[in-house]
N, C-alpha and C. Protein backbone atom coordinates (compact mmCIF):
# COMPACT_ATOMS: atom_id res chain seq x y z
N MET A 1 0.83 -1.19 0.00
CA MET A 1 0.00 0.00 0.00
C MET A 1 0.88 1.27 0.00
N LYS A 2 1.96 1.20 0.80
CA LYS A 2 2.87 2.34 0.88
C LYS A 2 3.50 2.63 -0.49
N HIS A 3 3.90 1.56 -1.21
CA HIS A 3 4.52 1.74 -2.53
C HIS A 3 3.52 2.32 -3.53
N LEU A 4 2.28 1.89 -3.46
CA LEU A 4 1.25 2.42 -4.36
C LEU A 4 1.04 3.91 -4.10
N PHE A 5 1.01 4.32 -2.83
CA PHE A 5 0.86 5.73 -2.48
C PHE A 5 2.04 6.54 -3.01
N LEU A 6 3.27 6.05 -2.82
CA LEU A 6 4.47 6.76 -3.30
C LEU A 6 4.49 6.86 -4.83
N ARG A 7 4.03 5.82 -5.52
CA ARG A 7 3.96 5.87 -6.98
C ARG A 7 2.94 6.91 -7.43
N GLY A 8 1.82 7.00 -6.72
CA GLY A 8 0.81 8.00 -7.05
C GLY A 8 1.34 9.42 -6.88
N ILE A 9 2.07 9.66 -5.78
CA ILE A 9 2.68 10.98 -5.54
C ILE A 9 3.70 11.29 -6.64
N LEU A 10 4.51 10.32 -6.99
CA LEU A 10 5.52 10.52 -8.04
C LEU A 10 4.85 10.85 -9.38
N LEU A 11 3.78 10.14 -9.72
CA LEU A 11 3.05 10.41 -10.95
C LEU A 11 2.47 11.82 -10.95
N LEU A 12 1.91 12.25 -9.82
CA LEU A 12 1.36 13.60 -9.71
C LEU A 12 2.45 14.65 -9.91
N VAL A 13 3.62 14.46 -9.32
CA VAL A 13 4.74 15.40 -9.47
C VAL A 13 5.18 15.47 -10.93
N VAL A 14 5.27 14.34 -11.61
CA VAL A 14 5.69 14.32 -13.01
C VAL A 14 4.68 15.06 -13.89
N VAL A 15 3.38 14.82 -13.66
CA VAL A 15 2.35 15.49 -14.46
C VAL A 15 2.39 16.99 -14.25
N VAL A 16 2.51 17.43 -12.99
CA VAL A 16 2.53 18.87 -12.70
C VAL A 16 3.79 19.51 -13.29
N CYS A 17 4.94 18.86 -13.17
CA CYS A 17 6.18 19.44 -13.68
C CYS A 17 6.26 19.41 -15.20
N ALA A 18 5.50 18.54 -15.85
CA ALA A 18 5.55 18.42 -17.30
C ALA A 18 4.76 19.51 -18.02
N GLN A 19 4.05 20.33 -17.28
CA GLN A 19 3.27 21.39 -17.91
C GLN A 19 4.21 22.44 -18.50
N SER A 20 3.75 23.17 -19.49
CA SER A 20 4.60 24.17 -20.13
C SER A 20 4.92 25.30 -19.15
N ALA A 21 6.02 25.96 -19.37
CA ALA A 21 6.44 27.04 -18.48
C ALA A 21 5.44 28.19 -18.48
N MET A 22 4.76 28.40 -19.59
CA MET A 22 3.78 29.47 -19.67
C MET A 22 2.57 29.20 -18.77
N ALA A 23 2.30 27.92 -18.52
CA ALA A 23 1.11 27.56 -17.75
C ALA A 23 1.36 27.57 -16.25
N GLN A 24 2.55 27.90 -15.81
CA GLN A 24 2.85 27.83 -14.39
C GLN A 24 2.47 29.14 -13.71
N ARG A 25 1.26 29.17 -13.19
CA ARG A 25 0.78 30.31 -12.43
C ARG A 25 0.30 29.79 -11.10
N LEU A 26 0.50 30.58 -10.08
CA LEU A 26 0.14 30.20 -8.73
C LEU A 26 -0.62 31.35 -8.09
N ALA A 27 -1.68 31.04 -7.36
CA ALA A 27 -2.45 32.07 -6.67
C ALA A 27 -2.58 31.69 -5.20
N VAL A 28 -2.48 32.68 -4.34
CA VAL A 28 -2.72 32.52 -2.91
C VAL A 28 -4.02 33.26 -2.61
N LYS A 29 -4.95 32.60 -1.88
CA LYS A 29 -6.30 33.14 -1.76
C LYS A 29 -6.82 33.05 -0.33
N THR A 30 -7.85 33.86 -0.06
CA THR A 30 -8.58 33.76 1.20
C THR A 30 -10.05 34.11 0.95
N ASN A 31 -10.94 33.41 1.65
CA ASN A 31 -12.38 33.62 1.50
C ASN A 31 -12.85 34.59 2.58
N ALA A 32 -13.35 35.74 2.16
CA ALA A 32 -13.79 36.78 3.09
C ALA A 32 -15.01 36.34 3.92
N LEU A 33 -15.86 35.50 3.36
CA LEU A 33 -17.04 35.05 4.10
C LEU A 33 -16.66 34.17 5.29
N ASP A 34 -15.60 33.38 5.17
CA ASP A 34 -15.11 32.61 6.32
C ASP A 34 -14.59 33.53 7.42
N TRP A 35 -13.95 34.62 7.04
CA TRP A 35 -13.45 35.57 8.04
C TRP A 35 -14.60 36.19 8.81
N LEU A 36 -15.76 36.38 8.16
CA LEU A 36 -16.93 36.94 8.84
C LEU A 36 -17.44 36.02 9.95
N ILE A 37 -17.27 34.71 9.80
CA ILE A 37 -17.68 33.79 10.86
C ILE A 37 -16.47 33.37 11.72
N LEU A 38 -15.46 34.24 11.71
CA LEU A 38 -14.26 34.08 12.55
C LEU A 38 -13.51 32.78 12.28
N THR A 39 -13.39 32.42 10.99
CA THR A 39 -12.65 31.22 10.59
C THR A 39 -11.53 31.62 9.64
N PRO A 40 -10.31 31.80 10.14
CA PRO A 40 -9.18 32.11 9.27
C PRO A 40 -8.98 30.99 8.24
N ASN A 41 -8.64 31.38 7.01
CA ASN A 41 -8.50 30.40 5.94
C ASN A 41 -7.50 30.87 4.91
N ALA A 42 -6.97 29.91 4.17
CA ALA A 42 -6.06 30.21 3.07
C ALA A 42 -6.11 29.05 2.09
N SER A 43 -5.85 29.37 0.83
CA SER A 43 -5.79 28.31 -0.18
C SER A 43 -4.76 28.69 -1.23
N VAL A 44 -4.31 27.69 -1.94
CA VAL A 44 -3.34 27.86 -3.01
C VAL A 44 -3.94 27.21 -4.26
N GLU A 45 -3.90 27.94 -5.36
CA GLU A 45 -4.40 27.41 -6.63
C GLU A 45 -3.24 27.36 -7.62
N TYR A 46 -3.14 26.24 -8.31
CA TYR A 46 -2.06 26.04 -9.28
C TYR A 46 -2.67 25.71 -10.64
N ARG A 47 -2.23 26.40 -11.66
CA ARG A 47 -2.71 26.19 -13.03
C ARG A 47 -2.02 24.96 -13.62
N LEU A 48 -2.83 23.96 -14.03
CA LEU A 48 -2.28 22.73 -14.60
C LEU A 48 -2.06 22.84 -16.10
N ASN A 49 -3.05 23.39 -16.82
CA ASN A 49 -2.93 23.59 -18.26
C ASN A 49 -3.84 24.73 -18.66
N GLN A 50 -4.22 24.81 -19.93
CA GLN A 50 -4.99 25.96 -20.40
C GLN A 50 -6.45 25.93 -19.99
N LYS A 51 -6.94 24.84 -19.41
CA LYS A 51 -8.34 24.75 -18.99
C LYS A 51 -8.52 24.26 -17.56
N LEU A 52 -7.49 23.72 -16.93
CA LEU A 52 -7.63 23.13 -15.60
C LEU A 52 -6.71 23.79 -14.58
N SER A 53 -7.21 23.87 -13.36
CA SER A 53 -6.38 24.26 -12.23
C SER A 53 -6.81 23.42 -11.04
N VAL A 54 -5.95 23.35 -10.06
CA VAL A 54 -6.24 22.62 -8.84
C VAL A 54 -6.02 23.57 -7.66
N GLU A 55 -6.91 23.49 -6.69
CA GLU A 55 -6.84 24.35 -5.51
C GLU A 55 -6.85 23.48 -4.26
N PHE A 56 -6.10 23.90 -3.26
CA PHE A 56 -6.10 23.22 -1.98
C PHE A 56 -6.29 24.28 -0.89
N GLY A 57 -7.38 24.15 -0.13
CA GLY A 57 -7.70 25.14 0.90
C GLY A 57 -7.81 24.54 2.28
N VAL A 58 -7.44 25.34 3.28
CA VAL A 58 -7.53 24.95 4.68
C VAL A 58 -8.16 26.09 5.45
N ALA A 59 -9.09 25.75 6.35
CA ALA A 59 -9.70 26.74 7.24
C ALA A 59 -9.73 26.15 8.65
N VAL A 60 -9.47 26.99 9.63
CA VAL A 60 -9.45 26.51 11.01
C VAL A 60 -9.98 27.60 11.94
N ASN A 61 -10.80 27.18 12.88
CA ASN A 61 -11.31 28.07 13.92
C ASN A 61 -11.20 27.33 15.24
N PRO A 62 -10.05 27.44 15.92
CA PRO A 62 -9.87 26.70 17.16
C PRO A 62 -10.51 27.38 18.38
N VAL A 63 -10.95 28.62 18.23
CA VAL A 63 -11.51 29.37 19.36
C VAL A 63 -12.97 28.99 19.53
N ASN A 64 -13.34 28.56 20.70
CA ASN A 64 -14.70 28.10 20.96
C ASN A 64 -15.37 29.05 21.96
N LYS A 65 -15.44 30.33 21.60
CA LYS A 65 -16.05 31.35 22.46
C LYS A 65 -17.52 31.51 22.12
N PRO A 66 -18.39 31.67 23.13
CA PRO A 66 -19.82 31.84 22.83
C PRO A 66 -20.14 33.23 22.27
N ILE A 67 -20.99 33.23 21.23
CA ILE A 67 -21.51 34.46 20.64
C ILE A 67 -23.01 34.27 20.52
N HIS A 68 -23.78 35.02 21.29
CA HIS A 68 -25.24 34.92 21.29
C HIS A 68 -25.73 33.49 21.52
N GLY A 69 -25.15 32.81 22.49
CA GLY A 69 -25.58 31.45 22.83
C GLY A 69 -25.05 30.37 21.92
N MET A 70 -24.16 30.71 20.97
CA MET A 70 -23.61 29.73 20.04
C MET A 70 -22.09 29.67 20.17
N LYS A 71 -21.56 28.46 20.00
CA LYS A 71 -20.12 28.24 19.92
C LYS A 71 -19.84 27.44 18.66
N TRP A 72 -18.72 27.71 18.03
CA TRP A 72 -18.38 27.02 16.81
C TRP A 72 -16.87 26.92 16.68
N ALA A 73 -16.35 25.71 16.52
CA ALA A 73 -14.93 25.48 16.25
C ALA A 73 -14.85 24.44 15.14
N ASN A 74 -13.91 24.62 14.21
CA ASN A 74 -13.81 23.66 13.12
C ASN A 74 -12.42 23.64 12.51
N PHE A 75 -12.18 22.57 11.77
CA PHE A 75 -11.00 22.43 10.93
C PHE A 75 -11.49 21.85 9.61
N ARG A 76 -11.18 22.51 8.49
CA ARG A 76 -11.71 22.10 7.20
C ARG A 76 -10.60 22.04 6.15
N VAL A 77 -10.62 20.99 5.36
CA VAL A 77 -9.71 20.83 4.22
C VAL A 77 -10.58 20.66 2.99
N GLN A 78 -10.31 21.48 1.94
CA GLN A 78 -11.16 21.43 0.76
C GLN A 78 -10.33 21.62 -0.51
N PRO A 79 -10.00 20.51 -1.18
CA PRO A 79 -9.37 20.63 -2.50
C PRO A 79 -10.44 20.85 -3.56
N GLN A 80 -10.05 21.37 -4.71
CA GLN A 80 -10.97 21.55 -5.84
C GLN A 80 -10.21 21.32 -7.14
N LEU A 81 -10.89 20.67 -8.07
CA LEU A 81 -10.40 20.56 -9.44
C LEU A 81 -11.30 21.45 -10.27
N ARG A 82 -10.71 22.46 -10.93
CA ARG A 82 -11.50 23.47 -11.63
C ARG A 82 -11.31 23.38 -13.14
N TYR A 83 -12.44 23.47 -13.84
CA TYR A 83 -12.44 23.58 -15.30
C TYR A 83 -12.82 25.01 -15.63
N TRP A 84 -11.96 25.69 -16.39
CA TRP A 84 -12.18 27.09 -16.76
C TRP A 84 -12.71 27.16 -18.18
N PHE A 85 -13.79 27.91 -18.39
CA PHE A 85 -14.39 28.02 -19.72
C PHE A 85 -13.59 28.94 -20.63
N ASN A 86 -12.87 29.91 -20.06
CA ASN A 86 -12.06 30.83 -20.85
C ASN A 86 -10.59 30.47 -20.69
N ARG A 87 -9.99 30.93 -19.63
CA ARG A 87 -8.61 30.61 -19.28
C ARG A 87 -8.54 30.55 -17.76
N PRO A 88 -7.58 29.82 -17.20
CA PRO A 88 -7.51 29.70 -15.74
C PRO A 88 -7.35 31.05 -15.04
N MET A 89 -8.05 31.18 -13.95
CA MET A 89 -8.02 32.34 -13.07
C MET A 89 -8.61 33.59 -13.71
N ALA A 90 -9.56 33.39 -14.62
CA ALA A 90 -10.29 34.50 -15.23
C ALA A 90 -11.65 34.01 -15.73
N ARG A 91 -12.67 34.69 -15.34
CA ARG A 91 -14.05 34.46 -15.78
C ARG A 91 -14.66 33.19 -15.19
N HIS A 92 -15.48 32.46 -15.97
CA HIS A 92 -16.31 31.37 -15.48
C HIS A 92 -15.53 30.08 -15.23
N PHE A 93 -15.92 29.35 -14.16
CA PHE A 93 -15.35 28.03 -13.92
C PHE A 93 -16.39 27.12 -13.27
N LEU A 94 -16.16 25.82 -13.39
CA LEU A 94 -16.94 24.79 -12.74
C LEU A 94 -15.96 23.90 -12.00
N ALA A 95 -16.25 23.57 -10.74
CA ALA A 95 -15.29 22.82 -9.93
C ALA A 95 -15.94 21.62 -9.27
N PHE A 96 -15.17 20.56 -9.14
CA PHE A 96 -15.53 19.41 -8.32
C PHE A 96 -14.91 19.68 -6.96
N SER A 97 -15.73 19.62 -5.88
CA SER A 97 -15.29 20.08 -4.57
C SER A 97 -15.51 19.05 -3.46
N PRO A 98 -14.57 18.16 -3.23
CA PRO A 98 -14.67 17.32 -2.03
C PRO A 98 -14.26 18.13 -0.80
N MET A 99 -14.70 17.72 0.38
CA MET A 99 -14.37 18.46 1.60
C MET A 99 -14.39 17.52 2.79
N PHE A 100 -13.46 17.75 3.73
CA PHE A 100 -13.47 17.08 5.02
C PHE A 100 -13.48 18.15 6.10
N MET A 101 -14.35 17.99 7.10
CA MET A 101 -14.42 18.95 8.19
C MET A 101 -14.58 18.22 9.52
N ASP A 102 -13.84 18.67 10.51
CA ASP A 102 -13.98 18.22 11.89
C ASP A 102 -14.54 19.41 12.65
N TYR A 103 -15.62 19.23 13.41
CA TYR A 103 -16.28 20.38 14.01
C TYR A 103 -16.79 20.10 15.42
N SER A 104 -17.04 21.20 16.10
CA SER A 104 -17.68 21.19 17.41
C SER A 104 -18.59 22.42 17.45
N ALA A 105 -19.87 22.19 17.67
CA ALA A 105 -20.85 23.28 17.68
C ALA A 105 -21.74 23.15 18.90
N GLN A 106 -22.17 24.32 19.42
CA GLN A 106 -23.07 24.32 20.56
C GLN A 106 -24.09 25.44 20.40
N TRP A 107 -25.37 25.10 20.51
CA TRP A 107 -26.46 26.06 20.50
C TRP A 107 -27.19 25.90 21.82
N ASN A 108 -27.13 26.95 22.63
CA ASN A 108 -27.71 26.94 23.97
C ASN A 108 -27.21 25.72 24.75
N ASN A 109 -28.05 24.71 25.02
CA ASN A 109 -27.56 23.58 25.82
C ASN A 109 -27.38 22.30 24.99
N ARG A 110 -27.41 22.38 23.66
CA ARG A 110 -27.19 21.22 22.79
C ARG A 110 -25.79 21.30 22.17
N LYS A 111 -25.10 20.17 22.17
CA LYS A 111 -23.73 20.14 21.64
C LYS A 111 -23.62 19.08 20.54
N TYR A 112 -22.88 19.42 19.47
CA TYR A 112 -22.62 18.53 18.35
C TYR A 112 -21.10 18.50 18.14
N THR A 113 -20.51 17.32 18.18
CA THR A 113 -19.08 17.16 17.94
C THR A 113 -18.90 16.01 16.97
N GLY A 114 -18.26 16.27 15.84
CA GLY A 114 -18.10 15.20 14.87
C GLY A 114 -17.32 15.60 13.64
N ASP A 115 -17.58 14.89 12.55
CA ASP A 115 -16.89 15.16 11.29
C ASP A 115 -17.88 15.10 10.13
N LEU A 116 -17.45 15.63 9.00
CA LEU A 116 -18.26 15.68 7.79
C LEU A 116 -17.37 15.40 6.59
N LEU A 117 -17.80 14.49 5.74
CA LEU A 117 -17.12 14.21 4.49
C LEU A 117 -18.13 14.45 3.38
N SER A 118 -17.82 15.36 2.45
CA SER A 118 -18.79 15.72 1.42
C SER A 118 -18.12 15.87 0.07
N PHE A 119 -18.96 15.92 -0.96
CA PHE A 119 -18.51 16.23 -2.31
C PHE A 119 -19.64 16.98 -3.01
N GLY A 120 -19.25 17.82 -3.94
CA GLY A 120 -20.24 18.60 -4.67
C GLY A 120 -19.61 19.34 -5.82
N PHE A 121 -20.40 20.24 -6.40
CA PHE A 121 -19.94 21.03 -7.53
C PHE A 121 -20.13 22.51 -7.23
N THR A 122 -19.23 23.31 -7.73
CA THR A 122 -19.24 24.76 -7.50
C THR A 122 -19.14 25.47 -8.83
N TYR A 123 -19.95 26.52 -8.99
CA TYR A 123 -19.83 27.41 -10.14
C TYR A 123 -19.27 28.73 -9.62
N GLY A 124 -18.35 29.32 -10.37
CA GLY A 124 -17.78 30.58 -9.94
C GLY A 124 -17.42 31.48 -11.10
N TYR A 125 -17.19 32.73 -10.74
CA TYR A 125 -16.75 33.74 -11.69
C TYR A 125 -15.60 34.50 -11.06
N ASP A 126 -14.50 34.59 -11.78
CA ASP A 126 -13.30 35.27 -11.31
C ASP A 126 -13.19 36.62 -11.99
N LEU A 127 -13.26 37.69 -11.21
CA LEU A 127 -13.12 39.05 -11.72
C LEU A 127 -11.65 39.46 -11.64
N VAL A 128 -11.08 39.85 -12.75
CA VAL A 128 -9.69 40.30 -12.77
C VAL A 128 -9.69 41.77 -12.35
N LEU A 129 -9.11 42.06 -11.19
CA LEU A 129 -9.06 43.43 -10.68
C LEU A 129 -7.83 44.18 -11.17
N SER A 130 -6.71 43.47 -11.24
CA SER A 130 -5.47 44.05 -11.75
C SER A 130 -4.59 42.91 -12.24
N HIS A 131 -3.34 43.22 -12.56
CA HIS A 131 -2.44 42.20 -13.08
C HIS A 131 -2.24 41.05 -12.08
N HIS A 132 -2.23 41.35 -10.79
CA HIS A 132 -1.98 40.33 -9.77
C HIS A 132 -3.17 40.05 -8.85
N TRP A 133 -4.20 40.86 -8.88
CA TRP A 133 -5.32 40.70 -7.93
C TRP A 133 -6.61 40.28 -8.64
N ASN A 134 -7.30 39.30 -8.05
CA ASN A 134 -8.60 38.84 -8.53
C ASN A 134 -9.58 38.78 -7.37
N MET A 135 -10.87 38.89 -7.70
CA MET A 135 -11.94 38.63 -6.74
C MET A 135 -12.82 37.55 -7.35
N GLU A 136 -13.09 36.55 -6.57
CA GLU A 136 -13.83 35.39 -7.06
C GLU A 136 -15.16 35.27 -6.33
N LEU A 137 -16.24 35.10 -7.06
CA LEU A 137 -17.56 34.86 -6.49
C LEU A 137 -17.95 33.44 -6.85
N SER A 138 -18.36 32.64 -5.85
CA SER A 138 -18.69 31.25 -6.13
C SER A 138 -19.88 30.80 -5.30
N VAL A 139 -20.61 29.85 -5.87
CA VAL A 139 -21.75 29.23 -5.19
C VAL A 139 -21.78 27.76 -5.60
N GLY A 140 -22.11 26.91 -4.64
CA GLY A 140 -22.12 25.49 -4.95
C GLY A 140 -22.99 24.72 -4.00
N ALA A 141 -23.17 23.47 -4.32
CA ALA A 141 -23.97 22.57 -3.49
C ALA A 141 -23.38 21.18 -3.57
N GLY A 142 -23.58 20.46 -2.50
CA GLY A 142 -23.08 19.10 -2.45
C GLY A 142 -23.87 18.29 -1.45
N ILE A 143 -23.41 17.08 -1.23
CA ILE A 143 -24.02 16.21 -0.24
C ILE A 143 -22.90 15.64 0.61
N GLY A 144 -23.18 15.51 1.90
CA GLY A 144 -22.15 15.04 2.80
C GLY A 144 -22.70 14.09 3.85
N ARG A 145 -21.82 13.29 4.37
CA ARG A 145 -22.16 12.35 5.43
C ARG A 145 -21.54 12.87 6.72
N THR A 146 -22.40 13.18 7.67
CA THR A 146 -21.91 13.64 8.96
C THR A 146 -22.07 12.52 9.98
N ARG A 147 -21.13 12.47 10.89
CA ARG A 147 -21.13 11.49 11.97
C ARG A 147 -20.73 12.25 13.23
N CYS A 148 -21.67 12.39 14.15
CA CYS A 148 -21.33 13.21 15.31
C CYS A 148 -21.98 12.70 16.60
N PHE A 149 -21.50 13.25 17.68
CA PHE A 149 -22.05 13.03 19.00
C PHE A 149 -22.99 14.20 19.29
N HIS A 150 -24.24 13.90 19.55
CA HIS A 150 -25.27 14.92 19.77
C HIS A 150 -25.79 14.69 21.19
N TYR A 151 -25.63 15.71 22.08
CA TYR A 151 -26.01 15.52 23.48
C TYR A 151 -26.22 16.87 24.17
N ASN A 152 -26.86 16.84 25.33
CA ASN A 152 -27.00 18.03 26.17
C ASN A 152 -25.68 18.33 26.85
N VAL A 153 -25.41 19.61 27.06
CA VAL A 153 -24.15 20.02 27.68
C VAL A 153 -24.01 19.43 29.08
N GLU A 154 -25.12 19.34 29.81
CA GLU A 154 -25.07 18.81 31.19
C GLU A 154 -24.80 17.31 31.22
N ASP A 155 -25.14 16.60 30.14
CA ASP A 155 -24.98 15.14 30.08
C ASP A 155 -23.57 14.76 29.67
N LYS A 156 -23.23 13.52 29.92
CA LYS A 156 -21.94 12.99 29.51
C LYS A 156 -21.97 12.66 28.02
N ARG A 157 -20.86 12.84 27.34
CA ARG A 157 -20.77 12.54 25.91
C ARG A 157 -21.02 11.04 25.68
N PRO A 158 -21.84 10.69 24.68
CA PRO A 158 -22.10 9.27 24.40
C PRO A 158 -20.83 8.54 23.97
N ASN A 159 -20.83 7.23 24.13
CA ASN A 159 -19.66 6.42 23.77
C ASN A 159 -19.47 6.28 22.27
N SER A 160 -20.55 6.37 21.51
CA SER A 160 -20.44 6.26 20.05
C SER A 160 -21.30 7.34 19.39
N ALA A 161 -21.02 7.58 18.13
CA ALA A 161 -21.76 8.60 17.38
C ALA A 161 -23.24 8.24 17.35
N ASN A 162 -24.09 9.17 17.74
CA ASN A 162 -25.53 8.91 17.79
C ASN A 162 -26.30 9.75 16.76
N TYR A 163 -25.59 10.42 15.88
CA TYR A 163 -26.23 11.23 14.84
C TYR A 163 -25.43 11.02 13.56
N VAL A 164 -25.91 10.14 12.69
CA VAL A 164 -25.24 9.83 11.44
C VAL A 164 -26.26 10.04 10.32
N LYS A 165 -25.98 11.01 9.44
CA LYS A 165 -26.94 11.36 8.39
C LYS A 165 -26.24 11.87 7.15
N TRP A 166 -26.95 11.77 6.02
CA TRP A 166 -26.58 12.46 4.79
C TRP A 166 -27.26 13.82 4.84
N ILE A 167 -26.52 14.88 4.59
CA ILE A 167 -27.08 16.23 4.67
C ILE A 167 -26.65 17.05 3.45
N PRO A 168 -27.45 18.06 3.05
CA PRO A 168 -27.00 18.96 1.99
C PRO A 168 -25.90 19.87 2.51
N VAL A 169 -24.95 20.18 1.65
CA VAL A 169 -23.81 21.03 2.03
C VAL A 169 -23.72 22.19 1.04
N PRO A 170 -24.17 23.39 1.44
CA PRO A 170 -24.04 24.56 0.55
C PRO A 170 -22.62 25.12 0.59
N GLN A 171 -22.23 25.78 -0.47
CA GLN A 171 -20.92 26.43 -0.53
C GLN A 171 -21.11 27.83 -1.09
N LEU A 172 -20.47 28.79 -0.46
CA LEU A 172 -20.58 30.17 -0.88
C LEU A 172 -19.23 30.84 -0.65
N GLY A 173 -18.78 31.65 -1.60
CA GLY A 173 -17.49 32.29 -1.42
C GLY A 173 -17.37 33.64 -2.08
N VAL A 174 -16.71 34.53 -1.39
CA VAL A 174 -16.23 35.81 -1.93
C VAL A 174 -14.74 35.80 -1.58
N THR A 175 -13.93 35.46 -2.56
CA THR A 175 -12.52 35.18 -2.33
C THR A 175 -11.65 36.21 -3.02
N PHE A 176 -10.59 36.60 -2.31
CA PHE A 176 -9.60 37.52 -2.88
C PHE A 176 -8.31 36.72 -3.13
N ALA A 177 -7.72 36.92 -4.31
CA ALA A 177 -6.56 36.14 -4.71
C ALA A 177 -5.43 37.05 -5.16
N TYR A 178 -4.21 36.67 -4.79
CA TYR A 178 -3.02 37.31 -5.32
C TYR A 178 -2.35 36.29 -6.23
N ILE A 179 -2.10 36.66 -7.48
CA ILE A 179 -1.58 35.74 -8.48
C ILE A 179 -0.10 36.03 -8.74
N PHE A 180 0.73 34.98 -8.61
CA PHE A 180 2.15 35.04 -8.95
C PHE A 180 2.32 34.53 -10.37
N GLU A 181 3.19 35.16 -11.14
CA GLU A 181 3.46 34.66 -12.50
C GLU A 181 4.90 34.29 -12.61
C-alpha cells in the first residue's frame, strides 16, 4: 500500500512538472465570508494547463467562544479541481469540490461534535481586478455524510456517534486572490 501511495505521488509530481512554463501560475487566496464567521482560511491554486487548475484550501477556527448562545470550532480541508471556460483564473469556472471537516458546535444547551465528508460542484466567476489581484464569487452545493455526538451540555458525551446522516452542504465564497506569475 505504501509503494502504491508513493507511486501516485511521483506520478502527480511528473504530471505537474511536465506542464509548459507558460502555464505555471500560482495564486494565494482567502475567502472573506469565512473571516466573517471568525474562521481564518487560506488556499493555493495552481494552473495545470490551459483549462484546468487545482486548488487546496484549509480553514481553522480553534476558538470556541460563545456568541449569542452559540459556539463554533472547526478544521476544514477542501481541495478543488477546476475547469475554466475561458482561461484559468479569469471568468467562469466549474469545480468538483470534495471536503473534510472536523467540528464542534453548541447552541444553547445542545452540543454537536463530529466530522463531515462531502462532495459537490461549484460554479464561480473570477473578476480580474489588476495584473496580480482577482476577486472570485462562487456558489455550490453538495451532499455530505456527517457522523457526530449529539447531546445536552449537562450530560456525559455518548460512547459512540448517535447522529449519522446524509445532509445537503451549501458552498458560498467571496474570495480575494493574489496571483504570482
